[in-house]
Structures are given as C-alpha cells and as structure tokens.
Amino acid sequence: MASDLSMHKNENEMSCCGTICNECENYPHYCRGCSSIKGKVYWLEFTEEKICPVYNCCITKKKLYHCGQCGLLPCSKFKRKDPTKSIEENKEILEKQLAKLNNHH
C-alpha cells in the first residue's frame, strides 16, 4: 500500500501561492502540500482561520490553478506574514513566490 507521502500527486508542483512543496522546510512532516491538505496549513494554529486565505481565494473561490493567473497579484492576502519566520525570511519567501507566480501565467 502506498504511503501518505506518495499520495501527493507531484511534490515538485507549485502550490497556488508560488511555494514549491519540497523546497519548504515543513514538507512533508508538518505539511504535505496544499493540494493534499486543501489549504489547512500548520500555521493556522497561530491565526483564527480554518483555511489559508490565499488557497481559499485562489482555489476554492476563483477556481484558479495558482495566483499567477489572477490579475490582482499580489493582493492583500500576500501582505500577511508567516508568524514562524523572521521579517527577512518573510520578505525573501514573498519575492520567490511572486517571481514563480509571475513566470507561470
């Protein structure tokens, strides 16, 4: 029987926010990738949300593959910071996400 981790369709796949799952330090132990966990990311324990707002907007509401397909990128949802990261880390992560999203229309 296949393990839970092998069930992720493609770990090199870009998530809707521009993160490559297997490049994230939290993959696969704290997060198996947004397509597998449907936007219920580990850091929600620090917020009062039940689903990642980027995932909810892009995938659930707009039915887009990723935010690079949205004319509002970067919207206010990208102004939020990961509470587990430093200011510098958040800035670097955002720059990488936007670069990937802008190159994958």
N, C-alpha and C. Protein backbone atom coordinates (compact mmCIF):
# COMPACT_ATOMS: atom_id res chain seq x y z
N MET A 1 0.83 -1.19 0.00
CA MET A 1 0.00 0.00 0.00
C MET A 1 0.88 1.25 0.00
N ALA A 2 0.49 2.25 -0.76
CA ALA A 2 1.27 3.48 -0.86
C ALA A 2 1.21 4.27 0.43
N SER A 3 2.33 4.90 0.79
CA SER A 3 2.34 5.73 1.99
C SER A 3 1.60 7.03 1.74
N ASP A 4 1.23 7.73 2.80
CA ASP A 4 0.55 9.01 2.70
C ASP A 4 1.36 10.01 1.88
N LEU A 5 2.69 9.99 2.04
CA LEU A 5 3.54 10.95 1.35
C LEU A 5 3.54 10.70 -0.15
N SER A 6 3.46 9.46 -0.58
CA SER A 6 3.48 9.18 -2.01
C SER A 6 2.15 9.51 -2.66
N MET A 7 1.14 9.79 -1.86
CA MET A 7 -0.17 10.13 -2.39
C MET A 7 -0.19 11.53 -2.98
N HIS A 8 0.75 12.39 -2.56
CA HIS A 8 0.82 13.75 -3.11
C HIS A 8 1.13 13.61 -4.59
N LYS A 9 0.32 14.24 -5.44
CA LYS A 9 0.44 13.99 -6.88
C LYS A 9 1.79 14.36 -7.47
N ASN A 10 2.42 15.41 -6.99
CA ASN A 10 3.74 15.79 -7.51
C ASN A 10 4.37 16.75 -6.52
N GLU A 11 5.34 16.27 -5.77
CA GLU A 11 5.91 17.11 -4.72
C GLU A 11 6.72 18.28 -5.27
N ASN A 12 7.08 18.28 -6.54
CA ASN A 12 7.76 19.41 -7.14
C ASN A 12 6.78 20.44 -7.68
N GLU A 13 5.51 20.15 -7.57
CA GLU A 13 4.48 21.04 -8.08
C GLU A 13 4.41 22.33 -7.26
N MET A 14 4.12 23.41 -7.95
CA MET A 14 3.97 24.70 -7.29
C MET A 14 2.56 24.79 -6.70
N SER A 15 2.48 25.22 -5.44
CA SER A 15 1.18 25.43 -4.83
C SER A 15 0.60 26.75 -5.33
N CYS A 16 -0.62 27.03 -5.00
CA CYS A 16 -1.30 28.23 -5.53
C CYS A 16 -0.60 29.52 -5.13
N CYS A 17 0.14 29.53 -4.02
CA CYS A 17 0.82 30.75 -3.56
C CYS A 17 2.22 30.90 -4.13
N GLY A 18 2.68 29.94 -4.92
CA GLY A 18 4.02 30.02 -5.51
C GLY A 18 5.09 29.27 -4.76
N THR A 19 4.72 28.53 -3.74
CA THR A 19 5.67 27.72 -2.99
C THR A 19 5.81 26.36 -3.65
N ILE A 20 7.05 25.89 -3.81
CA ILE A 20 7.29 24.53 -4.29
C ILE A 20 7.35 23.66 -3.04
N CYS A 21 6.43 22.72 -2.94
CA CYS A 21 6.27 21.95 -1.70
C CYS A 21 7.58 21.40 -1.15
N ASN A 22 8.33 20.68 -1.96
CA ASN A 22 9.51 20.02 -1.40
C ASN A 22 10.67 20.97 -1.16
N GLU A 23 10.53 22.26 -1.48
CA GLU A 23 11.54 23.26 -1.12
C GLU A 23 11.25 23.86 0.25
N CYS A 24 10.10 23.56 0.80
CA CYS A 24 9.69 24.11 2.09
C CYS A 24 10.24 23.24 3.22
N GLU A 25 10.78 23.88 4.23
CA GLU A 25 11.36 23.14 5.37
C GLU A 25 10.32 22.33 6.14
N ASN A 26 9.05 22.66 5.96
CA ASN A 26 7.99 21.96 6.68
C ASN A 26 7.40 20.77 5.92
N TYR A 27 7.86 20.57 4.70
CA TYR A 27 7.39 19.46 3.88
C TYR A 27 8.32 18.28 4.08
N PRO A 28 7.85 17.11 4.31
CA PRO A 28 6.47 16.64 4.42
C PRO A 28 5.99 16.43 5.85
N HIS A 29 6.79 16.82 6.84
CA HIS A 29 6.45 16.49 8.23
C HIS A 29 5.31 17.32 8.81
N TYR A 30 5.29 18.62 8.55
CA TYR A 30 4.22 19.47 9.08
C TYR A 30 3.18 19.79 8.02
N CYS A 31 3.55 19.61 6.78
CA CYS A 31 2.63 19.94 5.67
C CYS A 31 2.92 18.98 4.53
N ARG A 32 1.88 18.42 3.95
CA ARG A 32 2.04 17.50 2.82
C ARG A 32 1.78 18.20 1.48
N GLY A 33 1.61 19.51 1.52
CA GLY A 33 1.34 20.26 0.29
C GLY A 33 -0.13 20.65 0.22
N CYS A 34 -0.39 21.85 -0.25
CA CYS A 34 -1.76 22.38 -0.25
C CYS A 34 -2.76 21.53 -1.01
N SER A 35 -2.33 20.93 -2.12
CA SER A 35 -3.28 20.11 -2.86
C SER A 35 -3.69 18.88 -2.06
N SER A 36 -2.83 18.41 -1.19
CA SER A 36 -3.15 17.25 -0.35
C SER A 36 -3.95 17.63 0.89
N ILE A 37 -3.64 18.78 1.47
CA ILE A 37 -4.30 19.17 2.73
C ILE A 37 -5.39 20.22 2.53
N LYS A 38 -5.62 20.60 1.28
CA LYS A 38 -6.68 21.54 0.92
C LYS A 38 -6.62 22.85 1.69
N GLY A 39 -5.41 23.40 1.81
CA GLY A 39 -5.22 24.71 2.42
C GLY A 39 -5.27 24.76 3.94
N LYS A 40 -5.30 23.61 4.58
CA LYS A 40 -5.33 23.58 6.05
C LYS A 40 -3.91 23.43 6.57
N VAL A 41 -3.15 24.51 6.43
CA VAL A 41 -1.73 24.52 6.73
C VAL A 41 -1.44 24.59 8.24
N TYR A 42 -0.25 24.15 8.60
CA TYR A 42 0.16 24.05 10.00
C TYR A 42 0.10 25.38 10.74
N TRP A 43 0.37 26.50 10.06
CA TRP A 43 0.45 27.79 10.75
C TRP A 43 -0.91 28.37 11.11
N LEU A 44 -1.98 27.72 10.72
CA LEU A 44 -3.31 28.19 11.11
C LEU A 44 -3.50 28.15 12.63
N GLU A 45 -2.67 27.37 13.31
CA GLU A 45 -2.74 27.33 14.77
C GLU A 45 -2.39 28.69 15.38
N PHE A 46 -1.71 29.56 14.60
CA PHE A 46 -1.36 30.89 15.07
C PHE A 46 -2.38 31.96 14.67
N THR A 47 -3.35 31.57 13.87
CA THR A 47 -4.38 32.51 13.40
C THR A 47 -5.75 31.99 13.81
N GLU A 48 -6.76 32.74 13.55
CA GLU A 48 -8.12 32.30 13.86
C GLU A 48 -8.82 31.76 12.62
N GLU A 49 -8.06 31.44 11.59
CA GLU A 49 -8.62 30.96 10.33
C GLU A 49 -8.67 29.44 10.29
N LYS A 50 -9.56 28.93 9.46
CA LYS A 50 -9.69 27.48 9.30
C LYS A 50 -9.03 26.98 8.03
N ILE A 51 -8.73 27.91 7.11
CA ILE A 51 -8.10 27.58 5.83
C ILE A 51 -7.22 28.75 5.42
N CYS A 52 -6.14 28.46 4.72
CA CYS A 52 -5.25 29.52 4.23
C CYS A 52 -6.06 30.46 3.34
N PRO A 53 -6.02 31.77 3.61
CA PRO A 53 -6.80 32.71 2.80
C PRO A 53 -6.38 32.75 1.33
N VAL A 54 -5.11 32.53 1.03
CA VAL A 54 -4.66 32.51 -0.36
C VAL A 54 -5.27 31.30 -1.06
N TYR A 55 -5.19 30.14 -0.43
CA TYR A 55 -5.77 28.92 -1.00
C TYR A 55 -7.28 29.08 -1.17
N ASN A 56 -7.94 29.59 -0.16
CA ASN A 56 -9.39 29.75 -0.20
C ASN A 56 -9.81 30.66 -1.36
N CYS A 57 -9.12 31.76 -1.54
CA CYS A 57 -9.44 32.71 -2.60
C CYS A 57 -9.14 32.10 -3.98
N CYS A 58 -7.94 31.61 -4.16
CA CYS A 58 -7.47 31.14 -5.46
C CYS A 58 -8.15 29.84 -5.90
N ILE A 59 -8.08 28.84 -5.07
CA ILE A 59 -8.56 27.51 -5.44
C ILE A 59 -10.07 27.36 -5.23
N THR A 60 -10.52 27.69 -4.03
CA THR A 60 -11.93 27.47 -3.69
C THR A 60 -12.87 28.45 -4.39
N LYS A 61 -12.56 29.73 -4.30
CA LYS A 61 -13.48 30.74 -4.82
C LYS A 61 -13.29 31.01 -6.32
N LYS A 62 -12.04 31.27 -6.73
CA LYS A 62 -11.80 31.67 -8.13
C LYS A 62 -11.54 30.50 -9.07
N LYS A 63 -11.31 29.31 -8.51
CA LYS A 63 -11.06 28.10 -9.30
C LYS A 63 -9.86 28.25 -10.24
N LEU A 64 -8.80 28.91 -9.74
CA LEU A 64 -7.57 29.08 -10.49
C LEU A 64 -6.55 28.02 -10.07
N TYR A 65 -5.62 27.72 -10.94
CA TYR A 65 -4.56 26.77 -10.61
C TYR A 65 -3.58 27.38 -9.62
N HIS A 66 -3.26 28.68 -9.82
CA HIS A 66 -2.38 29.40 -8.92
C HIS A 66 -2.64 30.90 -9.05
N CYS A 67 -2.11 31.66 -8.12
CA CYS A 67 -2.38 33.11 -8.06
C CYS A 67 -1.75 33.90 -9.20
N GLY A 68 -0.81 33.33 -9.92
CA GLY A 68 -0.23 33.99 -11.08
C GLY A 68 -1.26 34.19 -12.18
N GLN A 69 -2.37 33.47 -12.11
CA GLN A 69 -3.44 33.61 -13.10
C GLN A 69 -4.44 34.70 -12.71
N CYS A 70 -4.24 35.32 -11.57
CA CYS A 70 -5.15 36.35 -11.08
C CYS A 70 -4.57 37.73 -11.37
N GLY A 71 -5.38 38.61 -11.90
CA GLY A 71 -4.95 39.96 -12.22
C GLY A 71 -4.70 40.83 -11.01
N LEU A 72 -5.04 40.35 -9.82
CA LEU A 72 -4.85 41.13 -8.60
C LEU A 72 -3.54 40.82 -7.87
N LEU A 73 -2.72 39.95 -8.42
CA LEU A 73 -1.46 39.56 -7.77
C LEU A 73 -0.48 40.73 -7.75
N PRO A 74 0.15 41.04 -6.65
CA PRO A 74 -0.06 40.48 -5.31
C PRO A 74 -1.17 41.23 -4.58
N CYS A 75 -2.13 40.51 -4.11
CA CYS A 75 -3.25 41.11 -3.39
C CYS A 75 -2.93 41.20 -1.90
N SER A 76 -3.87 41.69 -1.14
CA SER A 76 -3.67 41.88 0.30
C SER A 76 -3.36 40.58 1.04
N LYS A 77 -3.78 39.45 0.50
CA LYS A 77 -3.51 38.17 1.16
C LYS A 77 -2.01 37.87 1.22
N PHE A 78 -1.24 38.45 0.30
CA PHE A 78 0.20 38.25 0.29
C PHE A 78 0.92 39.19 1.24
N LYS A 79 0.21 40.13 1.85
CA LYS A 79 0.81 41.04 2.82
C LYS A 79 0.93 40.39 4.20
N ARG A 80 0.23 39.30 4.38
CA ARG A 80 0.28 38.59 5.66
C ARG A 80 1.64 37.94 5.81
N LYS A 81 2.10 37.83 7.02
CA LYS A 81 3.42 37.26 7.30
C LYS A 81 3.28 35.94 8.04
N ASP A 82 4.18 35.03 7.75
CA ASP A 82 4.23 33.77 8.46
C ASP A 82 4.76 34.05 9.86
N PRO A 83 3.97 33.78 10.89
CA PRO A 83 4.39 34.10 12.26
C PRO A 83 5.57 33.27 12.76
N THR A 84 5.93 32.22 12.02
CA THR A 84 7.05 31.38 12.44
C THR A 84 8.36 31.81 11.78
N LYS A 85 8.33 32.88 10.97
CA LYS A 85 9.51 33.34 10.23
C LYS A 85 9.88 34.77 10.62
N SER A 86 11.14 35.14 10.38
CA SER A 86 11.60 36.49 10.64
C SER A 86 11.12 37.42 9.52
N ILE A 87 11.27 38.72 9.72
CA ILE A 87 10.90 39.71 8.71
C ILE A 87 11.69 39.45 7.42
N GLU A 88 12.98 39.20 7.55
CA GLU A 88 13.84 38.95 6.41
C GLU A 88 13.42 37.67 5.68
N GLU A 89 13.13 36.62 6.44
CA GLU A 89 12.69 35.36 5.82
C GLU A 89 11.38 35.55 5.07
N ASN A 90 10.44 36.27 5.68
CA ASN A 90 9.16 36.53 5.02
C ASN A 90 9.35 37.30 3.72
N LYS A 91 10.24 38.29 3.73
CA LYS A 91 10.50 39.09 2.53
C LYS A 91 11.08 38.22 1.43
N GLU A 92 12.04 37.40 1.77
CA GLU A 92 12.68 36.52 0.80
C GLU A 92 11.68 35.51 0.22
N ILE A 93 10.86 34.94 1.08
CA ILE A 93 9.86 33.98 0.64
C ILE A 93 8.87 34.64 -0.32
N LEU A 94 8.40 35.83 0.02
CA LEU A 94 7.45 36.55 -0.83
C LEU A 94 8.06 36.85 -2.20
N GLU A 95 9.29 37.30 -2.23
CA GLU A 95 9.96 37.59 -3.51
C GLU A 95 10.04 36.34 -4.38
N LYS A 96 10.37 35.20 -3.80
CA LYS A 96 10.45 33.94 -4.55
C LYS A 96 9.08 33.52 -5.05
N GLN A 97 8.05 33.64 -4.18
CA GLN A 97 6.70 33.26 -4.59
C GLN A 97 6.25 34.10 -5.78
N LEU A 98 6.40 35.42 -5.67
CA LEU A 98 5.94 36.31 -6.74
C LEU A 98 6.69 36.06 -8.04
N ALA A 99 7.98 35.81 -7.95
CA ALA A 99 8.76 35.51 -9.16
C ALA A 99 8.23 34.25 -9.85
N LYS A 100 7.97 33.21 -9.08
CA LYS A 100 7.45 31.96 -9.65
C LYS A 100 6.07 32.18 -10.24
N LEU A 101 5.21 32.87 -9.52
CA LEU A 101 3.83 33.10 -9.99
C LEU A 101 3.81 33.96 -11.24
N ASN A 102 4.66 34.98 -11.30
CA ASN A 102 4.70 35.85 -12.47
C ASN A 102 5.27 35.15 -13.70
N ASN A 103 6.03 34.11 -13.50
CA ASN A 103 6.60 33.35 -14.63
C ASN A 103 5.73 32.18 -15.06
N HIS A 104 4.62 31.94 -14.39
CA HIS A 104 3.74 30.80 -14.70
C HIS A 104 2.31 31.27 -14.94
N HIS A 105 2.11 32.16 -15.88
CA HIS A 105 0.74 32.62 -16.16
C HIS A 105 0.02 31.48 -16.79
